Amino acid sequence: MSKATIAVIAAVSAAGGAAATAAMFSLKGDNKKIDTAAPVVAPPKPAAPVPASQVFSAPPPAPAAAPLPPAPAGGPKLVDPSGLFEYGFPGPVADLATRQGFVSSYDRRTKNPHWTVEHITPESLSISAGDRKKSQFVEDDAIPEKFRGKLKDYFRSGFDRGHQVPAADCKWSQAAMDETFYLSNMCPQVGEGFNRDYWAHFEDFCRRLTKQYPSVRIVTGPLYLPKRDPADNKWYVKYEMIGQPPNVAVPTHFYKVIFAEDGKKGGNVALGAFVLPNARIPNDKPLQDFEVPLEAVERASGLEFANKLPVQRRKRLCAETNCSIIVKEYAERQKSFGKKQ
């Protein structure tokens, strides 16, 4: 990832506004020339040409190493690194889960998802067969115990168990809603000002897109972005760990990549990519301040989202619709369901 891309993604925070987003859209790739405004210095006079024989001639041969004894014809190899796999494959392993309402990939190292994918439609959101009060947070026993996020890890941690796929997006079935409460669908999120406020409004924005688009697909996941240390002006990745022992990573940011489909076969897809800091965000902060190029999320996450989607079918989401949140008092409404801590 280029330092320019890192710098701009890290700037997309509660304090970073439209200027940061504008800078992201100005990125065209790592080959972009940057005017450093350095003083122009006259080039030195050319030196005498160096004979080509001095440039392209081979260096003196190094002393020949003692040759390895040849393996007998048709005999065993001298080494067999893959023989280790007889005892087990080290990984990494991405625990892929296919639920009724979403698909997810789990990161055993951070105890958070790599990504979650969901699909919402006007029809799916019109059904209210699920009741959040009947759902409970549960550990995912499909994950090996030593790699599993646990309920006790979040206890008194100061962070919410933040849904990556919202329960409200799967209310068409109680079973589907229950599956959103697996801890493998959670990340530690700041509660007041984020998970219970701005992030919830952002989730509502995604649902409201179904009023304009018949099919909306959403990829959500955590990011761990670098930040410049003013002490030495270098970039570092730093994030908190929760649990006893500390083993669940607290993401610095979260992303959503939205695919709003027009419903036609081979039709247009409105793409929107957003990166939000895991921090308090004022409700008057414009959502478009957190819009970033899709490539920026791919570079930061190591994932690819639309490499099979032709460029001619792509549209910019925020150019087609009003990318803004509607503030609702989710925190007050959640009190009737019990605290999310």
Protein backbone atom coordinates (compact mmCIF):
# COMPACT_ATOMS: atom_id res chain seq x y z
CA MET A 1 0.00 0.00 0.00
CA SER A 2 1.40 3.40 -0.94
CA LYS A 3 2.09 5.89 1.84
CA ALA A 4 -0.25 8.33 0.09
CA THR A 5 -3.14 5.87 0.26
CA ILE A 6 -2.36 4.98 3.91
CA ALA A 7 -2.26 8.60 4.90
CA VAL A 8 -5.60 9.43 3.39
CA ILE A 9 -7.41 6.37 4.74
CA ALA A 10 -6.08 7.11 8.21
CA ALA A 11 -7.37 10.65 7.85
CA VAL A 12 -10.92 9.40 7.29
CA SER A 13 -12.05 9.80 10.89
CA ALA A 14 -14.46 11.75 12.99
CA ALA A 15 -12.10 14.70 12.77
CA GLY A 16 -11.23 14.25 9.09
CA GLY A 17 -13.83 15.68 6.76
CA ALA A 18 -14.51 16.38 3.14
CA ALA A 19 -10.89 17.31 2.50
CA ALA A 20 -9.77 13.78 3.29
CA THR A 21 -12.43 12.27 1.06
CA ALA A 22 -11.51 14.61 -1.77
CA ALA A 23 -7.90 13.56 -1.40
CA MET A 24 -8.91 9.90 -1.63
CA PHE A 25 -10.74 10.53 -4.91
CA SER A 26 -7.68 12.27 -6.29
CA LEU A 27 -5.67 9.06 -6.00
CA LYS A 28 -5.11 7.39 -9.34
CA GLY A 29 -2.56 4.78 -8.31
CA ASP A 30 0.93 4.42 -6.98
CA ASN A 31 2.49 5.74 -10.19
CA LYS A 32 1.09 9.22 -9.70
CA LYS A 33 3.86 11.84 -9.80
CA ILE A 34 4.06 14.13 -6.81
CA ASP A 35 5.45 17.64 -7.08
CA THR A 36 7.77 18.01 -4.15
CA ALA A 37 8.52 21.65 -5.04
CA ALA A 38 12.24 20.93 -4.75
CA PRO A 39 14.56 23.58 -6.25
CA VAL A 40 15.66 22.90 -9.79
CA VAL A 41 19.36 22.09 -9.99
CA ALA A 42 21.24 22.25 -13.27
CA PRO A 43 22.40 18.79 -14.33
CA PRO A 44 26.15 18.17 -14.09
CA LYS A 45 28.19 18.04 -17.22
CA PRO A 46 28.24 14.53 -18.68
CA ALA A 47 31.27 12.51 -17.75
CA ALA A 48 33.34 10.61 -20.24
CA PRO A 49 31.39 7.63 -21.58
CA VAL A 50 32.01 4.34 -19.87
CA PRO A 51 32.99 1.55 -22.26
CA ALA A 52 30.18 -0.93 -22.73
CA SER A 53 32.55 -3.74 -21.87
CA GLN A 54 32.83 -2.32 -18.33
CA VAL A 55 29.05 -2.21 -17.92
CA PHE A 56 27.89 -5.46 -19.42
CA SER A 57 30.88 -7.71 -18.88
CA ALA A 58 30.33 -10.49 -16.38
CA PRO A 59 31.99 -10.16 -12.96
CA PRO A 60 34.87 -12.44 -12.13
CA PRO A 61 33.56 -15.92 -11.42
CA ALA A 62 33.16 -16.82 -7.75
CA PRO A 63 34.92 -19.89 -6.49
CA ALA A 64 32.85 -22.90 -7.34
CA ALA A 65 31.07 -24.47 -4.37
CA ALA A 66 31.45 -28.14 -3.74
CA PRO A 67 28.70 -29.85 -5.76
CA LEU A 68 25.99 -31.76 -3.94
CA PRO A 69 26.12 -35.46 -4.45
CA PRO A 70 23.71 -36.40 -7.22
CA ALA A 71 20.60 -38.26 -6.18
CA PRO A 72 20.43 -41.77 -7.53
CA ALA A 73 18.44 -42.00 -10.73
CA GLY A 74 14.81 -42.53 -9.81
CA GLY A 75 15.74 -42.35 -6.13
CA PRO A 76 14.36 -40.13 -3.34
CA LYS A 77 14.67 -36.34 -3.33
CA LEU A 78 17.29 -34.75 -1.09
CA VAL A 79 14.60 -32.71 0.72
CA ASP A 80 10.82 -32.87 1.01
CA PRO A 81 9.44 -29.72 2.69
CA SER A 82 5.83 -30.71 2.00
CA GLY A 83 6.35 -33.78 4.14
CA LEU A 84 5.49 -31.54 7.10
CA PHE A 85 1.88 -31.49 5.93
CA GLU A 86 1.65 -35.13 6.94
CA TYR A 87 1.40 -33.80 10.50
CA GLY A 88 -0.95 -30.92 9.70
CA PHE A 89 -1.33 -27.81 7.55
CA PRO A 90 -0.41 -24.58 9.41
CA GLY A 91 -2.87 -22.37 7.56
CA PRO A 92 -4.00 -19.64 7.59
CA VAL A 93 -7.53 -21.02 7.71
CA ALA A 94 -10.50 -18.78 6.90
CA ASP A 95 -13.51 -20.27 8.65
CA LEU A 96 -16.20 -19.77 6.02
CA ALA A 97 -19.75 -19.76 7.38
CA THR A 98 -22.86 -19.84 5.21
CA ARG A 99 -25.84 -18.67 7.26
CA GLN A 100 -29.45 -18.17 6.20
CA GLY A 101 -29.02 -14.41 5.81
CA PHE A 102 -25.31 -13.92 5.22
CA VAL A 103 -21.91 -15.45 4.47
CA SER A 104 -18.79 -14.67 6.51
CA SER A 105 -15.09 -15.39 6.70
CA TYR A 106 -13.49 -15.47 10.16
CA ASP A 107 -9.99 -14.32 11.13
CA ARG A 108 -8.63 -16.66 13.82
CA ARG A 109 -5.79 -14.29 14.68
CA THR A 110 -7.88 -11.21 15.51
CA LYS A 111 -11.04 -13.14 16.58
CA ASN A 112 -13.00 -10.90 14.20
CA PRO A 113 -14.47 -11.51 10.74
CA HIS A 114 -12.36 -10.86 7.66
CA TRP A 115 -15.60 -9.91 5.94
CA THR A 116 -19.34 -10.50 5.99
CA VAL A 117 -21.62 -10.47 2.94
CA GLU A 118 -25.37 -9.90 3.07
CA HIS A 119 -28.18 -9.32 0.60
CA ILE A 120 -31.25 -7.21 1.32
CA THR A 121 -34.28 -6.52 -0.85
CA PRO A 122 -37.55 -4.63 -0.42
CA GLU A 123 -39.26 -8.00 0.08
CA SER A 124 -36.84 -9.27 2.74
CA LEU A 125 -37.12 -6.06 4.76
CA SER A 126 -40.91 -6.01 4.55
CA ILE A 127 -41.24 -9.20 6.63
CA SER A 128 -41.06 -8.93 10.42
CA ALA A 129 -40.96 -12.52 11.63
CA GLY A 130 -37.94 -12.09 13.89
CA ASP A 131 -37.93 -10.59 17.37
CA ARG A 132 -34.59 -9.28 18.65
CA LYS A 133 -35.69 -9.82 22.26
CA LYS A 134 -35.68 -13.56 21.60
CA SER A 135 -32.09 -13.59 20.28
CA GLN A 136 -29.01 -14.05 22.47
CA PHE A 137 -25.29 -13.51 21.90
CA VAL A 138 -23.62 -16.90 21.58
CA GLU A 139 -20.14 -18.24 20.94
CA ASP A 140 -19.63 -19.92 17.58
CA ASP A 141 -18.84 -23.55 18.34
CA ALA A 142 -17.96 -24.12 14.68
CA ILE A 143 -14.73 -22.23 15.42
CA PRO A 144 -12.03 -24.24 17.25
CA GLU A 145 -12.14 -23.32 20.94
CA LYS A 146 -8.63 -21.78 21.06
CA PHE A 147 -9.48 -19.43 18.17
CA ARG A 148 -13.00 -18.60 19.28
CA GLY A 149 -14.19 -15.23 20.55
CA LYS A 150 -15.89 -15.72 23.91
CA LEU A 151 -18.59 -13.92 25.81
CA LYS A 152 -16.24 -13.30 28.72
CA ASP A 153 -13.84 -11.46 26.40
CA TYR A 154 -16.39 -8.66 26.05
CA PHE A 155 -17.45 -8.60 29.69
CA ARG A 156 -16.64 -5.17 31.15
CA SER A 157 -14.35 -4.48 28.20
CA GLY A 158 -15.86 -1.06 27.53
CA PHE A 159 -16.84 -2.10 24.00
CA ASP A 160 -20.10 -3.24 22.44
CA ARG A 161 -20.46 -6.54 20.65
CA GLY A 162 -20.91 -4.83 17.30
CA HIS A 163 -22.85 -6.67 14.59
CA GLN A 164 -21.22 -6.72 11.18
CA VAL A 165 -24.42 -8.01 9.60
CA PRO A 166 -27.20 -6.18 11.49
CA ALA A 167 -29.94 -8.19 13.15
CA ALA A 168 -32.51 -5.83 11.59
CA ASP A 169 -31.42 -6.96 8.12
CA CYS A 170 -32.47 -10.54 8.90
CA LYS A 171 -35.80 -9.94 10.60
CA TRP A 172 -37.60 -12.02 7.95
CA SER A 173 -36.85 -15.12 10.05
CA GLN A 174 -36.22 -15.69 13.75
CA ALA A 175 -33.60 -18.31 12.90
CA ALA A 176 -31.87 -15.95 10.48
CA MET A 177 -31.88 -13.17 13.07
CA ASP A 178 -30.51 -15.52 15.74
CA GLU A 179 -27.54 -16.36 13.51
CA THR A 180 -26.48 -12.70 13.43
CA PHE A 181 -25.79 -13.00 17.19
CA TYR A 182 -22.87 -15.43 16.80
CA LEU A 183 -19.72 -13.78 18.14
CA SER A 184 -18.08 -14.65 14.81
CA ASN A 185 -20.32 -11.88 13.39
CA MET A 186 -19.12 -9.39 16.01
CA CYS A 187 -16.28 -6.93 16.47
CA PRO A 188 -15.54 -4.74 19.49
CA GLN A 189 -17.10 -1.37 18.72
CA VAL A 190 -17.27 1.89 20.60
CA GLY A 191 -20.80 2.04 21.97
CA GLU A 192 -22.03 5.59 22.60
CA GLY A 193 -21.52 7.77 19.56
CA PHE A 194 -20.78 4.90 17.19
CA ASN A 195 -22.38 1.44 17.40
CA ARG A 196 -25.53 2.78 19.01
CA ASP A 197 -25.53 6.01 17.03
CA TYR A 198 -23.71 6.87 13.79
CA TRP A 199 -23.01 3.26 12.75
CA ALA A 200 -26.67 2.38 13.37
CA HIS A 201 -27.73 5.33 11.21
CA PHE A 202 -25.34 4.11 8.51
CA GLU A 203 -26.96 0.65 8.62
CA ASP A 204 -30.33 2.34 8.24
CA PHE A 205 -29.03 4.22 5.19
CA CYS A 206 -28.17 0.85 3.60
CA ARG A 207 -31.69 -0.42 4.21
CA ARG A 208 -33.23 2.75 2.76
CA LEU A 209 -31.38 2.08 -0.49
CA THR A 210 -33.91 -0.68 -1.19
CA LYS A 211 -36.47 2.05 -1.86
CA GLN A 212 -34.46 2.96 -4.96
CA TYR A 213 -32.77 -0.32 -5.81
CA PRO A 214 -34.45 -3.75 -5.93
CA SER A 215 -31.31 -5.55 -4.77
CA VAL A 216 -28.58 -4.35 -2.41
CA ARG A 217 -25.51 -6.38 -1.45
CA ILE A 218 -23.24 -5.22 1.37
CA VAL A 219 -19.75 -6.30 2.44
CA THR A 220 -18.74 -5.23 5.97
CA GLY A 221 -15.59 -5.80 7.97
CA PRO A 222 -12.88 -4.41 10.23
CA LEU A 223 -9.69 -2.57 9.36
CA TYR A 224 -6.47 -2.01 11.31
CA LEU A 225 -5.01 1.17 9.86
CA PRO A 226 -1.69 2.85 10.59
CA LYS A 227 -1.36 6.21 12.28
CA ARG A 228 1.55 8.61 12.17
CA ASP A 229 3.40 9.03 15.46
CA PRO A 230 4.29 12.72 15.90
CA ALA A 231 7.28 11.74 18.04
CA ASP A 232 9.26 10.29 15.14
CA ASN A 233 6.96 11.00 12.17
CA LYS A 234 6.74 7.27 11.39
CA TRP A 235 3.63 5.17 10.75
CA TYR A 236 2.53 2.47 13.19
CA VAL A 237 -0.40 0.08 13.44
CA LYS A 238 -1.67 0.16 17.00
CA TYR A 239 -4.91 -1.26 18.39
CA GLU A 240 -6.28 -2.39 21.73
CA MET A 241 -6.83 -6.03 22.70
CA ILE A 242 -9.63 -7.16 25.01
CA GLY A 243 -10.27 -10.37 26.92
CA GLN A 244 -8.48 -12.34 29.62
CA PRO A 245 -5.93 -13.08 28.33
CA PRO A 246 -6.08 -10.26 25.79
CA ASN A 247 -6.89 -12.00 22.50
CA VAL A 248 -9.66 -10.12 20.67
CA ALA A 249 -8.44 -7.21 18.53
CA VAL A 250 -10.26 -3.88 18.60
CA PRO A 251 -10.38 -2.58 15.00
CA THR A 252 -9.32 0.99 14.35
CA HIS A 253 -11.85 1.37 11.52
CA PHE A 254 -14.71 -0.40 9.75
CA TYR A 255 -15.59 -0.54 6.09
CA LYS A 256 -18.72 -1.13 4.07
CA VAL A 257 -18.73 -1.78 0.34
CA ILE A 258 -22.22 -1.42 -1.12
CA PHE A 259 -23.43 -2.89 -4.43
CA ALA A 260 -26.80 -1.39 -5.37
CA GLU A 261 -28.14 -3.33 -8.36
CA ASP A 262 -30.71 -2.02 -10.83
CA GLY A 263 -32.32 -5.46 -11.09
CA LYS A 264 -31.65 -5.92 -14.80
CA LYS A 265 -29.63 -8.86 -16.14
CA GLY A 266 -26.20 -7.46 -16.90
CA GLY A 267 -27.42 -4.10 -15.64
CA ASN A 268 -25.66 -1.29 -13.82
CA VAL A 269 -24.34 -1.56 -10.28
CA ALA A 270 -23.95 1.53 -8.11
CA LEU A 271 -20.82 1.06 -5.99
CA GLY A 272 -20.10 2.83 -2.75
CA ALA A 273 -17.14 2.29 -0.41
CA PHE A 274 -16.96 3.83 3.05
CA VAL A 275 -14.43 3.74 5.89
CA LEU A 276 -15.47 4.91 9.36
CA PRO A 277 -13.30 5.17 12.47
CA ASN A 278 -14.17 3.04 15.49
CA ALA A 279 -14.80 6.16 17.55
CA ARG A 280 -17.49 8.63 18.50
CA ILE A 281 -18.80 10.42 15.41
CA PRO A 282 -21.08 13.46 15.67
CA ASN A 283 -24.46 12.81 14.09
CA ASP A 284 -24.12 15.97 12.00
CA LYS A 285 -21.04 14.59 10.25
CA PRO A 286 -21.84 14.11 6.50
CA LEU A 287 -21.73 10.48 5.44
CA GLN A 288 -19.94 11.43 2.23
CA ASP A 289 -16.97 12.53 4.31
CA PHE A 290 -16.30 8.80 4.80
CA GLU A 291 -16.64 7.81 1.15
CA VAL A 292 -13.38 6.43 -0.30
CA PRO A 293 -12.32 4.80 -3.58
CA LEU A 294 -12.97 1.06 -3.72
CA GLU A 295 -9.27 0.51 -4.37
CA ALA A 296 -8.43 2.13 -1.02
CA VAL A 297 -10.51 -0.43 0.88
CA GLU A 298 -8.99 -3.26 -1.16
CA ARG A 299 -5.45 -2.10 -0.41
CA ALA A 300 -6.17 -1.68 3.30
CA SER A 301 -8.01 -4.99 3.72
CA GLY A 302 -6.09 -7.19 1.28
CA LEU A 303 -9.40 -8.16 -0.31
CA GLU A 304 -10.90 -7.74 -3.78
CA PHE A 305 -14.56 -6.92 -4.18
CA ALA A 306 -15.42 -6.26 -7.82
CA ASN A 307 -12.66 -7.64 -10.02
CA LYS A 308 -15.27 -9.44 -12.15
CA LEU A 309 -17.57 -6.43 -12.51
CA PRO A 310 -16.88 -4.67 -15.85
CA VAL A 311 -16.05 -0.99 -15.55
CA GLN A 312 -18.80 -0.04 -17.99
CA ARG A 313 -21.43 -1.44 -15.59
CA ARG A 314 -20.14 0.49 -12.58
CA LYS A 315 -21.76 3.66 -11.29
CA ARG A 316 -20.83 5.79 -8.31
CA LEU A 317 -23.46 5.32 -5.60
CA CYS A 318 -23.24 8.81 -4.15
CA ALA A 319 -23.63 10.31 -7.63
CA GLU A 320 -26.91 8.44 -8.11
CA THR A 321 -28.47 8.81 -4.68
CA ASN A 322 -28.29 11.07 -1.63
CA CYS A 323 -25.65 9.52 0.63
CA SER A 324 -26.76 10.86 3.99
CA ILE A 325 -27.93 9.48 7.30
CA ILE A 326 -31.21 10.08 9.08
CA VAL A 327 -30.68 10.43 12.81
CA LYS A 328 -32.93 8.14 14.82
CA GLU A 329 -32.81 7.57 18.53
CA TYR A 330 -31.63 3.97 18.31
CA ALA A 331 -30.13 4.11 21.78
CA GLU A 332 -33.51 4.87 23.34
CA ARG A 333 -35.22 2.14 21.34
CA GLN A 334 -32.57 -0.41 22.30
CA LYS A 335 -33.23 0.12 26.00
CA SER A 336 -36.41 -1.91 25.63
CA PHE A 337 -34.33 -4.79 24.33
CA GLY A 338 -31.72 -4.61 27.09
CA LYS A 339 -28.22 -3.21 26.96
CA LYS A 340 -25.88 -4.39 24.19
CA GLN A 341 -22.82 -4.40 26.44
